[in-house]
Amino acid sequence: MKKIYLAILIISLLTNCNNSQTKSADKSDRLELVPEPDKVLREEYEKQQELNKSKCIFIDPDTSVVGIKIRNAESTLNILGKQTKLEGDSTHVFYSSDKKQKLGLTVHPGDYYNQVSIFNISYSDNSKQNVRQIKSKEFETEKGIKLGISKREIIEKFGTCYVAKDSTKNGIVLKYRLELPNDSKKKLLTSNNMPIYYATYRLKNDKLENIEFGFEYP
């Protein structure tokens, strides 16, 4: 009887051991299926680091749209009216005179009213009613950048110190970046007490369809 009991005990232990090994193997198999970190973001970061090491500096960036100057509240009031009150931690949208373009003005949290830090220009669907408008048919930057221009025209203005990202078969995004200790020839970062300025230009079929530039929130 003792021999039978001992045999059953040994079989039970061997079975549990095999089950444990199987579970470990299954767990190992599952771990192999976990995807690696976002490859696109990693490659973009690596390209930016290579650009920084090459000492290629974005020296003369844009700082205004239709007269509204970056982080200059007075210029915002001059264009939008003295009663304007753009609050912080928000993006305020305005349309062109024909409603075919829209301009996003972002005020960072904690900043003064009307102190715009990021500009975004894009096309609109022209279907909205009762929208806030600016008396300009198109939104153009001080450097002459506007929707519809080509990649060549952007590079002629800002140079080749950018990281390119293919977004679609017929699309490309040019990303310029300026961060301390580097600064523009006008000391843009230092004078505004900001660590990073960026500019992103999204094109489709070699036509600029979205512009965004300004200071990252520190």
N, C-alpha and C. Protein backbone atom coordinates (compact mmCIF):
# COMPACT_ATOMS: atom_id res chain seq x y z
N MET A 1 0.83 -1.20 0.00
CA MET A 1 0.00 0.00 0.00
C MET A 1 0.87 1.26 0.00
N LYS A 2 1.94 1.23 0.81
CA LYS A 2 2.85 2.36 0.88
C LYS A 2 3.53 2.60 -0.47
N LYS A 3 3.86 1.49 -1.16
CA LYS A 3 4.50 1.61 -2.47
C LYS A 3 3.57 2.28 -3.47
N ILE A 4 2.30 1.91 -3.42
CA ILE A 4 1.32 2.51 -4.33
C ILE A 4 1.18 4.00 -4.07
N TYR A 5 1.09 4.36 -2.78
CA TYR A 5 0.96 5.77 -2.38
C TYR A 5 2.17 6.58 -2.82
N LEU A 6 3.39 5.97 -2.67
CA LEU A 6 4.62 6.64 -3.05
C LEU A 6 4.67 6.86 -4.56
N ALA A 7 4.21 5.87 -5.32
CA ALA A 7 4.19 5.99 -6.78
C ALA A 7 3.27 7.11 -7.23
N ILE A 8 2.09 7.18 -6.60
CA ILE A 8 1.13 8.25 -6.94
C ILE A 8 1.72 9.62 -6.64
N LEU A 9 2.42 9.74 -5.52
CA LEU A 9 3.03 11.01 -5.12
C LEU A 9 4.10 11.46 -6.12
N ILE A 10 4.92 10.49 -6.57
CA ILE A 10 5.98 10.81 -7.53
C ILE A 10 5.38 11.27 -8.86
N ILE A 11 4.35 10.58 -9.33
CA ILE A 11 3.68 10.94 -10.59
C ILE A 11 3.09 12.34 -10.49
N SER A 12 2.49 12.63 -9.33
CA SER A 12 1.88 13.95 -9.12
C SER A 12 2.93 15.06 -9.18
N LEU A 13 4.09 14.83 -8.55
CA LEU A 13 5.16 15.82 -8.55
C LEU A 13 5.71 16.06 -9.96
N LEU A 14 5.89 14.98 -10.71
CA LEU A 14 6.39 15.10 -12.08
C LEU A 14 5.41 15.87 -12.97
N THR A 15 4.12 15.61 -12.78
CA THR A 15 3.09 16.30 -13.57
C THR A 15 3.09 17.79 -13.29
N ASN A 16 3.19 18.16 -12.00
CA ASN A 16 3.22 19.59 -11.62
C ASN A 16 4.45 20.28 -12.19
N CYS A 17 5.57 19.57 -12.19
CA CYS A 17 6.81 20.13 -12.71
C CYS A 17 6.69 20.42 -14.20
N ASN A 18 6.10 19.45 -14.94
CA ASN A 18 5.91 19.62 -16.38
C ASN A 18 4.99 20.80 -16.69
N ASN A 19 3.91 20.92 -15.89
CA ASN A 19 2.95 22.02 -16.08
C ASN A 19 3.63 23.37 -15.85
N SER A 20 4.51 23.40 -14.82
CA SER A 20 5.23 24.64 -14.50
C SER A 20 6.14 25.05 -15.64
N GLN A 21 6.83 24.03 -16.23
CA GLN A 21 7.73 24.32 -17.35
C GLN A 21 6.94 24.81 -18.56
N THR A 22 5.77 24.22 -18.77
CA THR A 22 4.93 24.62 -19.91
C THR A 22 4.47 26.05 -19.76
N LYS A 23 4.06 26.43 -18.51
CA LYS A 23 3.61 27.80 -18.26
C LYS A 23 4.74 28.79 -18.46
N SER A 24 5.95 28.38 -18.02
CA SER A 24 7.11 29.26 -18.19
C SER A 24 7.41 29.49 -19.66
N ALA A 25 7.28 28.39 -20.43
CA ALA A 25 7.52 28.49 -21.87
C ALA A 25 6.49 29.38 -22.53
N ASP A 26 5.19 29.22 -22.09
CA ASP A 26 4.13 30.04 -22.64
C ASP A 26 4.38 31.51 -22.34
N LYS A 27 4.80 31.79 -21.11
CA LYS A 27 5.07 33.16 -20.70
C LYS A 27 6.20 33.75 -21.52
N SER A 28 7.23 32.91 -21.76
CA SER A 28 8.37 33.36 -22.56
C SER A 28 7.93 33.70 -23.98
N ASP A 29 7.04 32.83 -24.54
CA ASP A 29 6.54 33.07 -25.88
C ASP A 29 5.77 34.38 -25.95
N ARG A 30 4.97 34.68 -24.92
CA ARG A 30 4.20 35.92 -24.91
C ARG A 30 5.10 37.14 -24.86
N LEU A 31 6.16 37.04 -24.10
CA LEU A 31 7.08 38.17 -23.99
C LEU A 31 7.72 38.51 -25.33
N GLU A 32 7.93 37.51 -26.16
CA GLU A 32 8.55 37.74 -27.46
C GLU A 32 7.62 38.51 -28.39
N LEU A 33 6.31 38.50 -28.10
CA LEU A 33 5.35 39.17 -28.95
C LEU A 33 5.17 40.64 -28.61
N VAL A 34 5.73 41.09 -27.50
CA VAL A 34 5.61 42.48 -27.10
C VAL A 34 6.37 43.36 -28.10
N PRO A 35 5.71 44.36 -28.71
CA PRO A 35 6.37 45.18 -29.73
C PRO A 35 7.44 46.09 -29.14
N GLU A 36 8.42 46.46 -29.96
CA GLU A 36 9.46 47.38 -29.51
C GLU A 36 8.89 48.79 -29.42
N PRO A 37 9.57 49.70 -28.72
CA PRO A 37 9.08 51.09 -28.63
C PRO A 37 8.89 51.68 -30.01
N ASP A 38 8.09 52.73 -30.10
CA ASP A 38 7.72 53.34 -31.38
C ASP A 38 8.96 53.60 -32.24
N LYS A 39 9.08 52.84 -33.30
CA LYS A 39 10.26 52.91 -34.15
C LYS A 39 10.37 54.26 -34.85
N VAL A 40 9.25 54.81 -35.29
CA VAL A 40 9.25 56.08 -36.02
C VAL A 40 9.76 57.21 -35.13
N LEU A 41 9.25 57.28 -33.89
CA LEU A 41 9.69 58.32 -32.97
C LEU A 41 11.17 58.18 -32.63
N ARG A 42 11.61 56.94 -32.46
CA ARG A 42 13.01 56.70 -32.13
C ARG A 42 13.93 57.15 -33.27
N GLU A 43 13.55 56.78 -34.50
CA GLU A 43 14.37 57.16 -35.64
C GLU A 43 14.39 58.68 -35.83
N GLU A 44 13.25 59.32 -35.58
CA GLU A 44 13.18 60.78 -35.70
C GLU A 44 14.09 61.44 -34.67
N TYR A 45 14.07 60.90 -33.45
CA TYR A 45 14.93 61.43 -32.39
C TYR A 45 16.41 61.27 -32.77
N GLU A 46 16.76 60.11 -33.31
CA GLU A 46 18.15 59.85 -33.69
C GLU A 46 18.60 60.80 -34.81
N LYS A 47 17.70 61.09 -35.75
CA LYS A 47 18.04 62.01 -36.84
C LYS A 47 18.28 63.42 -36.29
N GLN A 48 17.45 63.81 -35.30
CA GLN A 48 17.61 65.13 -34.71
C GLN A 48 18.94 65.23 -33.96
N GLN A 49 19.33 64.15 -33.28
CA GLN A 49 20.60 64.15 -32.57
C GLN A 49 21.78 64.25 -33.54
N GLU A 50 21.67 63.56 -34.67
CA GLU A 50 22.72 63.64 -35.68
C GLU A 50 22.82 65.05 -36.25
N LEU A 51 21.67 65.69 -36.43
CA LEU A 51 21.65 67.05 -36.95
C LEU A 51 22.30 68.01 -35.94
N ASN A 52 22.02 67.80 -34.66
CA ASN A 52 22.63 68.65 -33.62
C ASN A 52 24.14 68.50 -33.60
N LYS A 53 24.61 67.27 -33.76
CA LYS A 53 26.06 67.02 -33.74
C LYS A 53 26.75 67.63 -34.95
N SER A 54 26.02 67.78 -36.04
CA SER A 54 26.62 68.32 -37.26
C SER A 54 26.80 69.84 -37.21
N LYS A 55 26.31 70.46 -36.12
CA LYS A 55 26.41 71.92 -35.95
C LYS A 55 25.59 72.68 -36.98
N CYS A 56 24.57 72.02 -37.54
CA CYS A 56 23.67 72.68 -38.48
C CYS A 56 22.59 73.39 -37.67
N ILE A 57 22.56 74.73 -37.73
CA ILE A 57 21.68 75.49 -36.85
C ILE A 57 20.63 76.26 -37.66
N PHE A 58 19.42 76.20 -37.19
CA PHE A 58 18.27 76.92 -37.76
C PHE A 58 18.38 78.38 -37.27
N ILE A 59 18.93 79.26 -38.10
CA ILE A 59 19.38 80.55 -37.58
C ILE A 59 18.38 81.70 -37.70
N ASP A 60 17.40 81.61 -38.60
CA ASP A 60 16.52 82.77 -38.82
C ASP A 60 15.06 82.34 -38.94
N PRO A 61 14.44 81.91 -37.84
CA PRO A 61 13.08 81.38 -37.89
C PRO A 61 12.01 82.47 -37.97
N ASP A 62 10.79 82.05 -38.30
CA ASP A 62 9.63 82.94 -38.34
C ASP A 62 9.18 83.29 -36.92
N THR A 63 8.65 84.50 -36.76
CA THR A 63 8.19 84.91 -35.42
C THR A 63 6.85 85.64 -35.43
N SER A 64 6.16 85.69 -36.59
CA SER A 64 4.87 86.38 -36.60
C SER A 64 4.00 85.91 -37.76
N VAL A 65 2.70 86.16 -37.63
CA VAL A 65 1.73 85.89 -38.69
C VAL A 65 0.79 87.09 -38.76
N VAL A 66 0.61 87.63 -39.96
CA VAL A 66 -0.22 88.82 -40.24
C VAL A 66 -0.05 89.92 -39.18
N GLY A 67 1.17 90.10 -38.69
CA GLY A 67 1.45 91.17 -37.75
C GLY A 67 1.35 90.79 -36.28
N ILE A 68 0.84 89.60 -35.98
CA ILE A 68 0.80 89.13 -34.59
C ILE A 68 2.15 88.50 -34.28
N LYS A 69 2.88 89.08 -33.34
CA LYS A 69 4.23 88.65 -33.04
C LYS A 69 4.26 87.66 -31.87
N ILE A 70 5.18 86.75 -31.92
CA ILE A 70 5.27 85.72 -30.91
C ILE A 70 5.53 86.32 -29.53
N ARG A 71 4.72 85.95 -28.56
CA ARG A 71 4.81 86.38 -27.16
C ARG A 71 4.79 87.91 -27.01
N ASN A 72 4.07 88.57 -27.91
CA ASN A 72 3.94 90.02 -27.85
C ASN A 72 2.45 90.36 -27.79
N ALA A 73 1.94 90.57 -26.60
CA ALA A 73 0.51 90.79 -26.40
C ALA A 73 0.02 92.06 -27.09
N GLU A 74 0.85 93.08 -27.11
CA GLU A 74 0.45 94.36 -27.72
C GLU A 74 0.17 94.18 -29.21
N SER A 75 1.01 93.39 -29.89
CA SER A 75 0.79 93.18 -31.33
C SER A 75 -0.52 92.42 -31.57
N THR A 76 -0.87 91.52 -30.67
CA THR A 76 -2.13 90.78 -30.79
C THR A 76 -3.31 91.74 -30.70
N LEU A 77 -3.26 92.67 -29.77
CA LEU A 77 -4.33 93.65 -29.61
C LEU A 77 -4.41 94.57 -30.82
N ASN A 78 -3.28 94.93 -31.40
CA ASN A 78 -3.27 95.80 -32.57
C ASN A 78 -3.98 95.17 -33.76
N ILE A 79 -3.85 93.84 -33.90
CA ILE A 79 -4.46 93.15 -35.04
C ILE A 79 -5.89 92.71 -34.75
N LEU A 80 -6.13 92.22 -33.56
CA LEU A 80 -7.44 91.64 -33.24
C LEU A 80 -8.39 92.61 -32.53
N GLY A 81 -7.87 93.74 -32.09
CA GLY A 81 -8.73 94.71 -31.41
C GLY A 81 -8.44 94.80 -29.92
N LYS A 82 -8.64 95.97 -29.37
CA LYS A 82 -8.28 96.23 -27.98
C LYS A 82 -9.13 95.44 -26.99
N GLN A 83 -10.28 94.96 -27.40
CA GLN A 83 -11.14 94.19 -26.50
C GLN A 83 -10.80 92.69 -26.48
N THR A 84 -9.82 92.29 -27.25
CA THR A 84 -9.43 90.88 -27.34
C THR A 84 -8.87 90.39 -26.01
N LYS A 85 -9.24 89.17 -25.65
CA LYS A 85 -8.75 88.57 -24.40
C LYS A 85 -8.53 87.08 -24.62
N LEU A 86 -7.37 86.72 -25.15
CA LEU A 86 -7.04 85.31 -25.40
C LEU A 86 -6.44 84.72 -24.13
N GLU A 87 -7.15 83.79 -23.52
CA GLU A 87 -6.71 83.22 -22.26
C GLU A 87 -5.65 82.15 -22.44
N GLY A 88 -4.91 81.89 -21.36
CA GLY A 88 -3.86 80.89 -21.39
C GLY A 88 -4.39 79.47 -21.34
N ASP A 89 -3.52 78.52 -21.66
CA ASP A 89 -3.87 77.10 -21.68
C ASP A 89 -4.97 76.82 -22.71
N SER A 90 -4.96 77.57 -23.81
CA SER A 90 -5.99 77.44 -24.83
C SER A 90 -5.44 77.77 -26.21
N THR A 91 -6.09 77.22 -27.24
CA THR A 91 -5.81 77.59 -28.62
C THR A 91 -7.05 78.29 -29.17
N HIS A 92 -6.86 79.50 -29.65
CA HIS A 92 -7.96 80.34 -30.13
C HIS A 92 -7.92 80.38 -31.65
N VAL A 93 -9.04 80.05 -32.30
CA VAL A 93 -9.07 79.89 -33.75
C VAL A 93 -9.75 81.09 -34.43
N PHE A 94 -9.09 81.58 -35.47
CA PHE A 94 -9.63 82.68 -36.28
C PHE A 94 -9.58 82.25 -37.75
N TYR A 95 -10.50 82.83 -38.55
CA TYR A 95 -10.59 82.48 -39.96
C TYR A 95 -10.20 83.68 -40.83
N SER A 96 -9.76 83.36 -42.04
CA SER A 96 -9.44 84.41 -43.00
C SER A 96 -10.73 85.10 -43.46
N SER A 97 -10.59 86.19 -44.21
CA SER A 97 -11.77 86.95 -44.63
C SER A 97 -12.73 86.14 -45.49
N ASP A 98 -12.20 85.16 -46.24
CA ASP A 98 -13.07 84.31 -47.06
C ASP A 98 -13.35 82.95 -46.41
N LYS A 99 -12.89 82.78 -45.18
CA LYS A 99 -13.10 81.56 -44.38
C LYS A 99 -12.43 80.32 -44.97
N LYS A 100 -11.50 80.49 -45.89
CA LYS A 100 -10.85 79.34 -46.50
C LYS A 100 -9.60 78.89 -45.74
N GLN A 101 -9.11 79.72 -44.86
CA GLN A 101 -7.96 79.37 -44.04
C GLN A 101 -8.27 79.65 -42.57
N LYS A 102 -7.60 78.91 -41.70
CA LYS A 102 -7.80 79.18 -40.27
C LYS A 102 -6.45 79.28 -39.57
N LEU A 103 -6.45 80.10 -38.54
CA LEU A 103 -5.24 80.39 -37.78
C LEU A 103 -5.48 80.06 -36.31
N GLY A 104 -4.68 79.15 -35.78
CA GLY A 104 -4.76 78.80 -34.36
C GLY A 104 -3.70 79.57 -33.59
N LEU A 105 -4.10 80.25 -32.53
CA LEU A 105 -3.19 81.01 -31.68
C LEU A 105 -3.20 80.39 -30.30
N THR A 106 -2.06 79.83 -29.89
CA THR A 106 -1.98 79.13 -28.60
C THR A 106 -1.26 80.00 -27.57
N VAL A 107 -1.93 80.17 -26.43
CA VAL A 107 -1.34 80.88 -25.30
C VAL A 107 -1.02 79.85 -24.22
N HIS A 108 0.22 79.80 -23.79
CA HIS A 108 0.64 78.79 -22.82
C HIS A 108 0.04 79.06 -21.43
N PRO A 109 -0.13 78.00 -20.63
CA PRO A 109 -0.61 78.18 -19.25
C PRO A 109 0.30 79.12 -18.47
N GLY A 110 -0.31 80.03 -17.73
CA GLY A 110 0.47 80.94 -16.90
C GLY A 110 0.94 82.20 -17.59
N ASP A 111 0.78 82.28 -18.92
CA ASP A 111 1.21 83.48 -19.64
C ASP A 111 0.14 84.57 -19.56
N TYR A 112 0.52 85.79 -19.92
CA TYR A 112 -0.42 86.90 -19.94
C TYR A 112 -1.46 86.69 -21.02
N TYR A 113 -2.62 87.35 -20.87
CA TYR A 113 -3.62 87.32 -21.92
C TYR A 113 -2.99 87.81 -23.23
N ASN A 114 -3.34 87.14 -24.33
CA ASN A 114 -2.95 87.55 -25.69
C ASN A 114 -1.47 87.33 -26.00
N GLN A 115 -0.74 86.63 -25.14
CA GLN A 115 0.68 86.36 -25.38
C GLN A 115 0.81 85.04 -26.13
N VAL A 116 0.81 85.11 -27.44
CA VAL A 116 0.77 83.92 -28.29
C VAL A 116 2.16 83.28 -28.39
N SER A 117 2.21 81.96 -28.15
CA SER A 117 3.48 81.24 -28.22
C SER A 117 3.56 80.27 -29.38
N ILE A 118 2.41 79.84 -29.91
CA ILE A 118 2.40 78.89 -31.04
C ILE A 118 1.37 79.34 -32.07
N PHE A 119 1.77 79.31 -33.34
CA PHE A 119 0.88 79.62 -34.46
C PHE A 119 0.65 78.35 -35.28
N ASN A 120 -0.58 78.16 -35.73
CA ASN A 120 -0.89 77.03 -36.60
C ASN A 120 -1.79 77.51 -37.73
N ILE A 121 -1.36 77.27 -38.96
CA ILE A 121 -2.12 77.71 -40.13
C ILE A 121 -2.51 76.49 -40.96
N SER A 122 -3.77 76.42 -41.37
CA SER A 122 -4.24 75.30 -42.18
C SER A 122 -5.44 75.75 -43.02
N TYR A 123 -5.87 74.87 -43.92
CA TYR A 123 -7.08 75.16 -44.70
C TYR A 123 -8.30 74.81 -43.86
N SER A 124 -9.42 75.47 -44.16
CA SER A 124 -10.68 75.16 -43.47
C SER A 124 -11.67 74.59 -44.48
N ASP A 125 -12.79 74.06 -43.97
CA ASP A 125 -13.80 73.51 -44.87
C ASP A 125 -14.81 74.57 -45.31
N ASN A 126 -14.64 75.80 -44.83
CA ASN A 126 -15.47 76.93 -45.26
C ASN A 126 -16.96 76.71 -45.00
N SER A 127 -17.30 75.92 -43.99
CA SER A 127 -18.71 75.63 -43.72
C SER A 127 -19.19 76.26 -42.42
N LYS A 128 -18.30 76.80 -41.63
CA LYS A 128 -18.69 77.32 -40.33
C LYS A 128 -19.30 78.72 -40.45
N GLN A 129 -20.29 78.98 -39.61
CA GLN A 129 -20.93 80.28 -39.56
C GLN A 129 -20.59 80.94 -38.22
N ASN A 130 -20.73 82.26 -38.17
CA ASN A 130 -20.50 83.01 -36.93
C ASN A 130 -19.14 82.73 -36.32
N VAL A 131 -18.11 82.80 -37.14
CA VAL A 131 -16.75 82.55 -36.67
C VAL A 131 -16.00 83.87 -36.54
N ARG A 132 -14.94 83.86 -35.76
CA ARG A 132 -14.10 85.05 -35.63
C ARG A 132 -13.17 85.13 -36.84
N GLN A 133 -13.13 86.28 -37.46
CA GLN A 133 -12.35 86.45 -38.69
C GLN A 133 -11.32 87.57 -38.55
N ILE A 134 -10.26 87.45 -39.36
CA ILE A 134 -9.22 88.47 -39.46
C ILE A 134 -9.27 89.03 -40.87
N LYS A 135 -9.06 90.32 -41.03
CA LYS A 135 -9.16 90.95 -42.34
C LYS A 135 -7.95 90.65 -43.21
N SER A 136 -7.74 89.39 -43.47
CA SER A 136 -6.67 88.95 -44.38
C SER A 136 -7.21 87.77 -45.17
N LYS A 137 -6.98 87.77 -46.49
CA LYS A 137 -7.48 86.68 -47.33
C LYS A 137 -6.69 85.40 -47.10
N GLU A 138 -5.40 85.56 -46.74
CA GLU A 138 -4.58 84.40 -46.43
C GLU A 138 -3.64 84.76 -45.28
N PHE A 139 -3.24 83.74 -44.54
CA PHE A 139 -2.37 83.96 -43.39
C PHE A 139 -0.92 83.73 -43.80
N GLU A 140 -0.16 84.80 -43.79
CA GLU A 140 1.23 84.76 -44.24
C GLU A 140 2.16 85.18 -43.10
N THR A 141 3.30 84.51 -43.00
CA THR A 141 4.27 84.84 -41.96
C THR A 141 5.17 85.98 -42.42
N GLU A 142 5.96 86.51 -41.52
CA GLU A 142 6.87 87.61 -41.85
C GLU A 142 7.90 87.22 -42.91
N LYS A 143 8.22 85.90 -42.98
CA LYS A 143 9.21 85.42 -43.95
C LYS A 143 8.57 85.08 -45.30
N GLY A 144 7.28 85.34 -45.43
CA GLY A 144 6.60 85.06 -46.69
C GLY A 144 6.15 83.62 -46.85
N ILE A 145 6.09 82.88 -45.74
CA ILE A 145 5.63 81.49 -45.79
C ILE A 145 4.10 81.48 -45.71
N LYS A 146 3.48 80.75 -46.63
CA LYS A 146 2.02 80.65 -46.66
C LYS A 146 1.61 79.32 -47.26
N LEU A 147 0.37 78.95 -47.10
CA LEU A 147 -0.13 77.68 -47.62
C LEU A 147 -0.01 77.65 -49.14
N GLY A 148 0.32 76.48 -49.67
CA GLY A 148 0.38 76.30 -51.12
C GLY A 148 1.76 76.40 -51.73
N ILE A 149 2.76 76.90 -50.97
CA ILE A 149 4.10 77.00 -51.54
C ILE A 149 4.77 75.62 -51.54
N SER A 150 5.92 75.52 -52.20
CA SER A 150 6.59 74.23 -52.39
C SER A 150 7.68 74.00 -51.34
N LYS A 151 8.18 72.78 -51.31
CA LYS A 151 9.30 72.43 -50.43
C LYS A 151 10.52 73.28 -50.76
N ARG A 152 10.79 73.48 -52.02
CA ARG A 152 11.94 74.27 -52.44
C ARG A 152 11.88 75.69 -51.86
N GLU A 153 10.70 76.28 -51.88
CA GLU A 153 10.54 77.64 -51.38
C GLU A 153 10.77 77.71 -49.87
N ILE A 154 10.38 76.68 -49.15
CA ILE A 154 10.61 76.65 -47.70
C ILE A 154 12.10 76.57 -47.42
N ILE A 155 12.78 75.67 -48.13
CA ILE A 155 14.22 75.49 -47.91
C ILE A 155 15.00 76.74 -48.30
N GLU A 156 14.55 77.45 -49.32
CA GLU A 156 15.20 78.70 -49.71
C GLU A 156 15.15 79.72 -48.57
N LYS A 157 14.07 79.69 -47.79
CA LYS A 157 13.91 80.62 -46.66
C LYS A 157 14.68 80.19 -45.43
N PHE A 158 14.66 78.90 -45.12
CA PHE A 158 15.15 78.44 -43.82
C PHE A 158 16.37 77.51 -43.87
N GLY A 159 16.79 77.08 -45.04
CA GLY A 159 17.96 76.23 -45.13
C GLY A 159 17.64 74.74 -44.98
N THR A 160 18.69 73.95 -44.87
CA THR A 160 18.54 72.49 -44.86
C THR A 160 18.71 71.86 -43.48
N CYS A 161 18.70 72.65 -42.43
CA CYS A 161 18.85 72.10 -41.06
C CYS A 161 17.52 71.59 -40.53
N TYR A 162 16.96 70.60 -41.20
CA TYR A 162 15.67 70.04 -40.78
C TYR A 162 15.74 68.52 -40.77
N VAL A 163 14.76 67.93 -40.10
CA VAL A 163 14.56 66.48 -40.13
C VAL A 163 13.31 66.24 -40.97
N ALA A 164 13.42 65.35 -41.95
CA ALA A 164 12.29 65.07 -42.84
C ALA A 164 11.59 63.78 -42.40
N LYS A 165 10.27 63.83 -42.46
CA LYS A 165 9.48 62.65 -42.10
C LYS A 165 8.43 62.43 -43.18
N ASP A 166 8.44 61.24 -43.77
CA ASP A 166 7.42 60.89 -44.78
C ASP A 166 6.16 60.46 -44.04
N SER A 167 5.07 61.18 -44.27
CA SER A 167 3.82 60.85 -43.58
C SER A 167 2.89 60.00 -44.44
N THR A 168 2.88 60.25 -45.74
CA THR A 168 2.07 59.45 -46.66
C THR A 168 2.87 59.25 -47.94
N LYS A 169 2.28 58.55 -48.89
CA LYS A 169 2.97 58.28 -50.14
C LYS A 169 3.36 59.57 -50.85
N ASN A 170 2.47 60.56 -50.82
CA ASN A 170 2.73 61.82 -51.52
C ASN A 170 2.98 62.98 -50.56
N GLY A 171 3.24 62.66 -49.30
CA GLY A 171 3.40 63.72 -48.31
C GLY A 171 4.74 63.67 -47.60
N ILE A 172 5.14 64.82 -47.08
CA ILE A 172 6.38 64.90 -46.31
C ILE A 172 6.22 66.01 -45.27
N VAL A 173 6.92 65.85 -44.15
CA VAL A 173 6.91 66.86 -43.09
C VAL A 173 8.35 67.30 -42.85
N LEU A 174 8.58 68.60 -42.88
CA LEU A 174 9.89 69.16 -42.58
C LEU A 174 9.85 69.72 -41.16
N LYS A 175 10.78 69.26 -40.31
CA LYS A 175 10.80 69.69 -38.92
C LYS A 175 12.10 70.41 -38.60
N TYR A 176 11.96 71.69 -38.28
CA TYR A 176 13.10 72.50 -37.85
C TYR A 176 13.02 72.65 -36.33
N ARG A 177 14.18 72.76 -35.70
CA ARG A 177 14.20 72.85 -34.23
C ARG A 177 15.40 73.67 -33.77
N LEU A 178 15.15 74.49 -32.77
CA LEU A 178 16.20 75.33 -32.21
C LEU A 178 16.12 75.23 -30.69
N GLU A 179 17.22 74.85 -30.04
CA GLU A 179 17.19 74.74 -28.59
C GLU A 179 18.52 75.16 -27.98
N LEU A 180 18.42 75.64 -26.74
CA LEU A 180 19.62 76.06 -26.04
C LEU A 180 20.57 74.88 -25.87
N PRO A 181 21.90 75.12 -25.92
CA PRO A 181 22.58 76.42 -25.90
C PRO A 181 22.67 77.12 -27.26
N ASN A 182 22.20 76.48 -28.34
CA ASN A 182 22.16 77.17 -29.63
C ASN A 182 21.06 78.22 -29.60
N ASP A 183 21.20 79.24 -30.41
CA ASP A 183 20.17 80.27 -30.48
C ASP A 183 20.20 80.87 -31.88
N SER A 184 19.15 81.59 -32.25
CA SER A 184 19.10 82.22 -33.56
C SER A 184 20.00 83.46 -33.57
N LYS A 185 20.21 84.01 -34.75
CA LYS A 185 21.06 85.20 -34.84
C LYS A 185 20.44 86.39 -34.12
N LYS A 186 19.13 86.31 -33.88
CA LYS A 186 18.44 87.39 -33.16
C LYS A 186 18.28 87.06 -31.66
N LYS A 187 18.92 85.95 -31.22
CA LYS A 187 18.81 85.52 -29.83
C LYS A 187 17.34 85.33 -29.42
N LEU A 188 16.62 84.62 -30.27
CA LEU A 188 15.19 84.42 -30.08
C LEU A 188 14.87 83.71 -28.76
N LEU A 189 15.60 82.65 -28.45
CA LEU A 189 15.35 81.90 -27.23
C LEU A 189 15.70 82.71 -25.99
N THR A 190 16.86 83.30 -26.00
CA THR A 190 17.34 84.05 -24.84
C THR A 190 16.44 85.24 -24.53
N SER A 191 16.07 85.99 -25.56
CA SER A 191 15.26 87.19 -25.33
C SER A 191 13.85 86.87 -24.84
N ASN A 192 13.35 85.68 -25.15
CA ASN A 192 12.01 85.28 -24.70
C ASN A 192 12.05 84.34 -23.51
N ASN A 193 13.24 84.02 -23.04
CA ASN A 193 13.42 83.13 -21.89
C ASN A 193 12.72 81.79 -22.11
N MET A 194 12.93 81.23 -23.30
CA MET A 194 12.33 79.95 -23.66
C MET A 194 13.43 78.99 -24.12
N PRO A 195 13.31 77.69 -23.80
CA PRO A 195 14.38 76.74 -24.13
C PRO A 195 14.33 76.15 -25.53
N ILE A 196 13.12 76.05 -26.12
CA ILE A 196 12.99 75.35 -27.41
C ILE A 196 11.99 76.06 -28.33
N TYR A 197 12.42 76.25 -29.57
CA TYR A 197 11.55 76.75 -30.64
C TYR A 197 11.51 75.67 -31.72
N TYR A 198 10.34 75.47 -32.31
CA TYR A 198 10.23 74.48 -33.38
C TYR A 198 9.36 75.03 -34.51
N ALA A 199 9.53 74.48 -35.69
CA ALA A 199 8.70 74.84 -36.84
C ALA A 199 8.46 73.59 -37.66
N THR A 200 7.20 73.30 -37.97
CA THR A 200 6.83 72.09 -38.71
C THR A 200 6.05 72.49 -39.95
N TYR A 201 6.47 71.97 -41.10
CA TYR A 201 5.83 72.28 -42.37
C TYR A 201 5.38 70.98 -43.03
N ARG A 202 4.08 70.81 -43.16
CA ARG A 202 3.51 69.58 -43.72
C ARG A 202 3.07 69.83 -45.17
N LEU A 203 3.63 69.03 -46.08
CA LEU A 203 3.30 69.19 -47.50
C LEU A 203 2.64 67.94 -48.06
N LYS A 204 1.81 68.15 -49.07
CA LYS A 204 1.21 67.04 -49.80
C LYS A 204 1.26 67.40 -51.28
N ASN A 205 1.78 66.46 -52.08
CA ASN A 205 1.97 66.71 -53.51
C ASN A 205 2.77 68.01 -53.73
N ASP A 206 3.77 68.21 -52.86
CA ASP A 206 4.68 69.36 -52.91
C ASP A 206 3.96 70.70 -52.74
N LYS A 207 2.84 70.70 -52.01
CA LYS A 207 2.13 71.92 -51.68
C LYS A 207 1.97 72.00 -50.16
N LEU A 208 2.39 73.11 -49.57
CA LEU A 208 2.31 73.28 -48.12
C LEU A 208 0.86 73.37 -47.69
N GLU A 209 0.45 72.47 -46.78
CA GLU A 209 -0.94 72.45 -46.34
C GLU A 209 -1.11 72.69 -44.84
N ASN A 210 -0.01 72.71 -44.10
CA ASN A 210 -0.10 73.03 -42.67
C ASN A 210 1.22 73.61 -42.17
N ILE A 211 1.11 74.66 -41.39
CA ILE A 211 2.27 75.34 -40.80
C ILE A 211 2.07 75.41 -39.30
N GLU A 212 3.08 75.04 -38.54
CA GLU A 212 3.01 75.26 -37.09
C GLU A 212 4.40 75.64 -36.59
N PHE A 213 4.46 76.72 -35.83
CA PHE A 213 5.75 77.12 -35.26
C PHE A 213 5.54 77.89 -33.95
N GLY A 214 6.58 77.87 -33.14
CA GLY A 214 6.52 78.59 -31.88
C GLY A 214 7.36 77.94 -30.80
N PHE A 215 7.10 78.33 -29.56
CA PHE A 215 7.85 77.82 -28.43
C PHE A 215 7.14 76.66 -27.76
N GLU A 216 7.87 75.58 -27.53
CA GLU A 216 7.32 74.48 -26.74
C GLU A 216 7.05 74.96 -25.34
N TYR A 217 6.04 74.38 -24.71
CA TYR A 217 5.75 74.74 -23.32
C TYR A 217 6.88 74.19 -22.44
N PRO A 218 7.55 75.06 -21.68
CA PRO A 218 8.73 74.62 -20.91
C PRO A 218 8.36 73.73 -19.73
